[in-house]
Amino acid sequence: MATVNYPQIGNIVFEPLEERLKIVIPEPRNWLIVALLNLALLAWLVGAVWMVIFTVQDVFGAGGRYPLAFPVLMLIWLYLWYRLGKVLWNRWQYFVANREILFINQEELIVRRPVSILGLTDAYGMDHVSPFYYSDKHKCPAFDYGFQHVYFAQKLTETEGNALVAFLNGRFFPDYDPDAF
């Protein structure tokens, strides 16, 4: 088995595993956004508890003016509130994570932002992943998955991002020639 020399790129850690390469990219937290998301989640939780209590009291209480319409509307509102909570929870997990981990081999690419045992995980089949590139607009490495642009390692400098892109393309897209496009 050939020995691979991993580049020294900032604080990025390359760990070869048995079946794939693990790349750990540190991501500093934006504490202002984390604090705002904590307040939003607290407001969401208080609102959810209040709506559940209010709906239960209206349905099983001393009869309201609209015994069927109001509880149905509240259940629809609770569903929409639940969906908002999922969005807030995912954004909170994204911004509270202090690292981003890429697991990559010839079959799949996994982008993970762990928060303890929780966290966001996205998996992409390498058959549909484009070669990596540095996005000048978003100032980070990226790849295309079909028509979806996927950005990662957003806190890297341009030099570090270009070095990571060059390494990943050299390792997983050896026939790719960026000058051909």
C-alpha atoms as a PDB file:
ATOM      1  CA  MET A   1       0.000   0.000   0.000  1.00  0.00           C
ATOM      2  CA  ALA A   2       1.380   3.377  -0.997  1.00  0.00           C
ATOM      3  CA  THR A   3       2.099   5.946   1.668  1.00  0.00           C
ATOM      4  CA  VAL A   4       0.196   9.183   1.233  1.00  0.00           C
ATOM      5  CA  ASN A   5       1.758  12.460   2.290  1.00  0.00           C
ATOM      6  CA  TYR A   6      -0.908  14.669   3.770  1.00  0.00           C
ATOM      7  CA  PRO A   7      -0.448  18.420   3.418  1.00  0.00           C
ATOM      8  CA  GLN A   8      -0.070  20.740   6.388  1.00  0.00           C
ATOM      9  CA  ILE A   9      -3.079  23.037   6.016  1.00  0.00           C
ATOM     10  CA  GLY A  10      -3.753  25.255   9.024  1.00  0.00           C
ATOM     11  CA  ASN A  11      -5.286  23.226  11.868  1.00  0.00           C
ATOM     12  CA  ILE A  12      -6.834  20.606   9.579  1.00  0.00           C
ATOM     13  CA  VAL A  13      -6.234  17.036  10.708  1.00  0.00           C
ATOM     14  CA  PHE A  14      -6.110  14.169   8.189  1.00  0.00           C
ATOM     15  CA  GLU A  15      -6.801  10.708   9.614  1.00  0.00           C
ATOM     16  CA  PRO A  16      -6.637   7.736   7.257  1.00  0.00           C
ATOM     17  CA  LEU A  17      -9.159   5.140   8.374  1.00  0.00           C
ATOM     18  CA  GLU A  18      -9.472   1.596   7.078  1.00  0.00           C
ATOM     19  CA  GLU A  19     -12.256   2.335   4.599  1.00  0.00           C
ATOM     20  CA  ARG A  20     -12.068   6.118   4.115  1.00  0.00           C
ATOM     21  CA  LEU A  21     -10.228   9.336   4.817  1.00  0.00           C
ATOM     22  CA  LYS A  22     -11.350  11.457   7.750  1.00  0.00           C
ATOM     23  CA  ILE A  23     -10.653  15.188   7.540  1.00  0.00           C
ATOM     24  CA  VAL A  24     -11.316  17.283  10.657  1.00  0.00           C
ATOM     25  CA  ILE A  25     -11.663  21.004   9.985  1.00  0.00           C
ATOM     26  CA  PRO A  26     -11.921  23.297  13.031  1.00  0.00           C
ATOM     27  CA  GLU A  27     -14.749  25.841  12.862  1.00  0.00           C
ATOM     28  CA  PRO A  28     -14.769  28.718  15.365  1.00  0.00           C
ATOM     29  CA  ARG A  29     -18.157  29.537  16.839  1.00  0.00           C
ATOM     30  CA  ASN A  30     -19.960  32.787  16.217  1.00  0.00           C
ATOM     31  CA  TRP A  31     -21.168  33.420  19.762  1.00  0.00           C
ATOM     32  CA  LEU A  32     -23.594  36.184  18.784  1.00  0.00           C
ATOM     33  CA  ILE A  33     -25.483  33.840  16.444  1.00  0.00           C
ATOM     34  CA  VAL A  34     -25.389  31.034  19.023  1.00  0.00           C
ATOM     35  CA  ALA A  35     -26.847  33.381  21.674  1.00  0.00           C
ATOM     36  CA  LEU A  36     -29.591  34.566  19.306  1.00  0.00           C
ATOM     37  CA  LEU A  37     -30.448  30.988  18.369  1.00  0.00           C
ATOM     38  CA  ASN A  38     -30.565  30.037  22.082  1.00  0.00           C
ATOM     39  CA  LEU A  39     -33.095  32.833  22.659  1.00  0.00           C
ATOM     40  CA  ALA A  40     -35.102  31.765  19.607  1.00  0.00           C
ATOM     41  CA  LEU A  41     -35.186  28.138  20.804  1.00  0.00           C
ATOM     42  CA  LEU A  42     -36.269  29.237  24.274  1.00  0.00           C
ATOM     43  CA  ALA A  43     -39.068  31.357  22.779  1.00  0.00           C
ATOM     44  CA  TRP A  44     -40.037  28.429  20.547  1.00  0.00           C
ATOM     45  CA  LEU A  45     -40.204  26.059  23.536  1.00  0.00           C
ATOM     46  CA  VAL A  46     -42.310  28.458  25.613  1.00  0.00           C
ATOM     47  CA  GLY A  47     -44.633  29.006  22.642  1.00  0.00           C
ATOM     48  CA  ALA A  48     -44.948  25.266  22.007  1.00  0.00           C
ATOM     49  CA  VAL A  49     -45.821  24.502  25.634  1.00  0.00           C
ATOM     50  CA  TRP A  50     -48.327  27.383  25.735  1.00  0.00           C
ATOM     51  CA  MET A  51     -50.017  26.270  22.489  1.00  0.00           C
ATOM     52  CA  VAL A  52     -50.310  22.639  23.636  1.00  0.00           C
ATOM     53  CA  ILE A  53     -51.812  23.687  26.988  1.00  0.00           C
ATOM     54  CA  PHE A  54     -54.186  26.145  25.307  1.00  0.00           C
ATOM     55  CA  THR A  55     -55.300  23.584  22.705  1.00  0.00           C
ATOM     56  CA  VAL A  56     -55.903  20.874  25.324  1.00  0.00           C
ATOM     57  CA  GLN A  57     -57.867  23.299  27.514  1.00  0.00           C
ATOM     58  CA  ASP A  58     -59.987  24.384  24.559  1.00  0.00           C
ATOM     59  CA  VAL A  59     -60.723  20.838  23.382  1.00  0.00           C
ATOM     60  CA  PHE A  60     -61.398  19.288  26.808  1.00  0.00           C
ATOM     61  CA  GLY A  61     -62.413  22.451  28.646  1.00  0.00           C
ATOM     62  CA  ALA A  62     -65.778  24.040  29.119  1.00  0.00           C
ATOM     63  CA  GLY A  63     -66.551  24.150  25.412  1.00  0.00           C
ATOM     64  CA  GLY A  64     -65.568  26.995  23.227  1.00  0.00           C
ATOM     65  CA  ARG A  65     -67.480  28.998  20.763  1.00  0.00           C
ATOM     66  CA  TYR A  66     -66.170  26.944  17.861  1.00  0.00           C
ATOM     67  CA  PRO A  67     -65.799  23.405  19.231  1.00  0.00           C
ATOM     68  CA  LEU A  68     -64.335  21.889  16.037  1.00  0.00           C
ATOM     69  CA  ALA A  69     -62.822  24.659  13.941  1.00  0.00           C
ATOM     70  CA  PHE A  70     -60.543  26.166  16.579  1.00  0.00           C
ATOM     71  CA  PRO A  71     -58.843  22.908  17.663  1.00  0.00           C
ATOM     72  CA  VAL A  72     -58.264  21.982  14.002  1.00  0.00           C
ATOM     73  CA  LEU A  73     -56.684  25.368  13.360  1.00  0.00           C
ATOM     74  CA  MET A  74     -54.538  24.985  16.496  1.00  0.00           C
ATOM     75  CA  LEU A  75     -53.362  21.538  15.360  1.00  0.00           C
ATOM     76  CA  ILE A  76     -52.357  22.997  11.990  1.00  0.00           C
ATOM     77  CA  TRP A  77     -50.590  25.819  13.810  1.00  0.00           C
ATOM     78  CA  LEU A  78     -48.823  23.296  16.096  1.00  0.00           C
ATOM     79  CA  TYR A  79     -47.573  21.408  13.042  1.00  0.00           C
ATOM     80  CA  LEU A  80     -46.208  24.608  11.504  1.00  0.00           C
ATOM     81  CA  TRP A  81     -44.651  25.510  14.872  1.00  0.00           C
ATOM     82  CA  TYR A  82     -43.036  22.062  15.002  1.00  0.00           C
ATOM     83  CA  ARG A  83     -41.513  22.600  11.521  1.00  0.00           C
ATOM     84  CA  LEU A  84     -40.145  25.975  12.642  1.00  0.00           C
ATOM     85  CA  GLY A  85     -38.614  24.255  15.663  1.00  0.00           C
ATOM     86  CA  LYS A  86     -36.853  21.726  13.419  1.00  0.00           C
ATOM     87  CA  VAL A  87     -35.354  24.552  11.360  1.00  0.00           C
ATOM     88  CA  LEU A  88     -34.193  26.376  14.505  1.00  0.00           C
ATOM     89  CA  TRP A  89     -32.765  23.157  15.955  1.00  0.00           C
ATOM     90  CA  ASN A  90     -30.798  22.408  12.761  1.00  0.00           C
ATOM     91  CA  ARG A  91     -29.434  25.969  12.592  1.00  0.00           C
ATOM     92  CA  TRP A  92     -28.476  25.780  16.285  1.00  0.00           C
ATOM     93  CA  GLN A  93     -26.609  22.511  15.709  1.00  0.00           C
ATOM     94  CA  TYR A  94     -24.834  23.994  12.692  1.00  0.00           C
ATOM     95  CA  PHE A  95     -23.605  27.102  14.505  1.00  0.00           C
ATOM     96  CA  VAL A  96     -22.740  25.476  17.843  1.00  0.00           C
ATOM     97  CA  ALA A  97     -20.480  22.810  16.265  1.00  0.00           C
ATOM     98  CA  ASN A  98     -16.797  23.578  16.681  1.00  0.00           C
ATOM     99  CA  ARG A  99     -15.572  21.362  13.853  1.00  0.00           C
ATOM    100  CA  GLU A 100     -16.603  19.975  10.530  1.00  0.00           C
ATOM    101  CA  ILE A 101     -15.672  16.432   9.580  1.00  0.00           C
ATOM    102  CA  LEU A 102     -15.441  15.056   6.058  1.00  0.00           C
ATOM    103  CA  PHE A 103     -15.453  11.299   5.553  1.00  0.00           C
ATOM    104  CA  ILE A 104     -14.545  10.532   1.980  1.00  0.00           C
ATOM    105  CA  ASN A 105     -13.781   7.491  -0.136  1.00  0.00           C
ATOM    106  CA  GLN A 106     -14.456   6.503  -3.756  1.00  0.00           C
ATOM    107  CA  GLU A 107     -18.133   5.666  -3.054  1.00  0.00           C
ATOM    108  CA  GLU A 108     -19.381   8.449  -0.795  1.00  0.00           C
ATOM    109  CA  LEU A 109     -18.657  11.797   0.810  1.00  0.00           C
ATOM    110  CA  ILE A 110     -20.073  12.543   4.248  1.00  0.00           C
ATOM    111  CA  VAL A 111     -20.086  16.066   5.681  1.00  0.00           C
ATOM    112  CA  ARG A 112     -20.719  16.105   9.445  1.00  0.00           C
ATOM    113  CA  ARG A 113     -20.960  18.936  11.958  1.00  0.00           C
ATOM    114  CA  PRO A 114     -21.053  17.071  15.278  1.00  0.00           C
ATOM    115  CA  VAL A 115     -22.476  18.481  18.493  1.00  0.00           C
ATOM    116  CA  SER A 116     -21.697  15.813  21.090  1.00  0.00           C
ATOM    117  CA  ILE A 117     -23.753  12.822  19.901  1.00  0.00           C
ATOM    118  CA  LEU A 118     -26.091  15.079  17.949  1.00  0.00           C
ATOM    119  CA  GLY A 119     -25.292  17.021  14.838  1.00  0.00           C
ATOM    120  CA  LEU A 120     -25.991  17.429  11.189  1.00  0.00           C
ATOM    121  CA  THR A 121     -24.850  14.790   8.733  1.00  0.00           C
ATOM    122  CA  ASP A 122     -25.176  14.915   4.965  1.00  0.00           C
ATOM    123  CA  ALA A 123     -24.109  12.034   2.714  1.00  0.00           C
ATOM    124  CA  TYR A 124     -23.400  12.321  -1.012  1.00  0.00           C
ATOM    125  CA  GLY A 125     -22.730   9.582  -3.556  1.00  0.00           C
ATOM    126  CA  MET A 126     -19.382  10.225  -5.254  1.00  0.00           C
ATOM    127  CA  ASP A 127     -20.936   9.293  -8.618  1.00  0.00           C
ATOM    128  CA  HIS A 128     -22.750  12.637  -8.551  1.00  0.00           C
ATOM    129  CA  VAL A 129     -20.137  14.784  -6.783  1.00  0.00           C
ATOM    130  CA  SER A 130     -18.290  17.246  -9.004  1.00  0.00           C
ATOM    131  CA  PRO A 131     -14.591  17.964  -8.534  1.00  0.00           C
ATOM    132  CA  PHE A 132     -13.956  20.355  -5.669  1.00  0.00           C
ATOM    133  CA  TYR A 133     -13.465  24.061  -6.306  1.00  0.00           C
ATOM    134  CA  TYR A 134     -12.968  27.250  -4.335  1.00  0.00           C
ATOM    135  CA  SER A 135     -16.068  29.462  -4.409  1.00  0.00           C
ATOM    136  CA  ASP A 136     -15.025  33.082  -4.792  1.00  0.00           C
ATOM    137  CA  LYS A 137     -18.538  34.243  -3.963  1.00  0.00           C
ATOM    138  CA  HIS A 138     -18.777  32.348  -0.653  1.00  0.00           C
ATOM    139  CA  LYS A 139     -15.027  32.329   0.094  1.00  0.00           C
ATOM    140  CA  CYS A 140     -14.845  28.611   0.883  1.00  0.00           C
ATOM    141  CA  PRO A 141     -14.275  25.201  -0.718  1.00  0.00           C
ATOM    142  CA  ALA A 142     -17.291  23.709  -2.445  1.00  0.00           C
ATOM    143  CA  PHE A 143     -18.535  20.969  -4.726  1.00  0.00           C
ATOM    144  CA  ASP A 144     -21.644  20.451  -6.776  1.00  0.00           C
ATOM    145  CA  TYR A 145     -24.000  17.570  -6.117  1.00  0.00           C
ATOM    146  CA  GLY A 146     -26.194  17.471  -9.159  1.00  0.00           C
ATOM    147  CA  PHE A 147     -27.505  21.030  -9.321  1.00  0.00           C
ATOM    148  CA  GLN A 148     -26.946  21.704  -5.607  1.00  0.00           C
ATOM    149  CA  HIS A 149     -23.900  23.709  -4.500  1.00  0.00           C
ATOM    150  CA  VAL A 150     -22.468  22.394  -1.235  1.00  0.00           C
ATOM    151  CA  TYR A 151     -20.127  24.654   0.736  1.00  0.00           C
ATOM    152  CA  PHE A 152     -17.909  23.516   3.582  1.00  0.00           C
ATOM    153  CA  ALA A 153     -14.948  24.700   5.676  1.00  0.00           C
ATOM    154  CA  GLN A 154     -16.194  28.262   5.534  1.00  0.00           C
ATOM    155  CA  LYS A 155     -13.719  29.650   8.063  1.00  0.00           C
ATOM    156  CA  LEU A 156     -10.592  28.647   6.125  1.00  0.00           C
ATOM    157  CA  THR A 157      -8.501  31.322   4.505  1.00  0.00           C
ATOM    158  CA  GLU A 158      -8.376  31.404   0.713  1.00  0.00           C
ATOM    159  CA  THR A 159      -4.896  29.864   0.698  1.00  0.00           C
ATOM    160  CA  GLU A 160      -5.938  27.049   3.029  1.00  0.00           C
ATOM    161  CA  GLY A 161      -9.154  26.465   1.076  1.00  0.00           C
ATOM    162  CA  ASN A 162      -7.317  26.269  -2.250  1.00  0.00           C
ATOM    163  CA  ALA A 163      -4.748  23.892  -0.736  1.00  0.00           C
ATOM    164  CA  LEU A 164      -7.528  21.632   0.564  1.00  0.00           C
ATOM    165  CA  VAL A 165      -9.285  21.714  -2.820  1.00  0.00           C
ATOM    166  CA  ALA A 166      -6.034  20.834  -4.616  1.00  0.00           C
ATOM    167  CA  PHE A 167      -5.388  17.923  -2.245  1.00  0.00           C
ATOM    168  CA  LEU A 168      -8.939  16.533  -2.492  1.00  0.00           C
ATOM    169  CA  ASN A 169      -8.995  16.806  -6.290  1.00  0.00           C
ATOM    170  CA  GLY A 170      -5.567  15.206  -6.558  1.00  0.00           C
ATOM    171  CA  ARG A 171      -6.650  12.328  -4.345  1.00  0.00           C
ATOM    172  CA  PHE A 172     -10.238  11.697  -5.469  1.00  0.00           C
ATOM    173  CA  PHE A 173     -10.366  13.224  -8.963  1.00  0.00           C
ATOM    174  CA  PRO A 174      -6.882  12.503 -10.349  1.00  0.00           C
ATOM    175  CA  ASP A 175      -7.965  12.962 -13.989  1.00  0.00           C
ATOM    176  CA  TYR A 176      -9.548  16.352 -13.356  1.00  0.00           C
ATOM    177  CA  ASP A 177      -7.896  19.261 -15.155  1.00  0.00           C
ATOM    178  CA  PRO A 178      -9.202  22.627 -13.892  1.00  0.00           C
ATOM    179  CA  ASP A 179      -7.710  24.437 -16.903  1.00  0.00           C
ATOM    180  CA  ALA A 180      -9.844  22.381 -19.288  1.00  0.00           C
ATOM    181  CA  PHE A 181     -13.013  24.225 -18.169  1.00  0.00           C
END
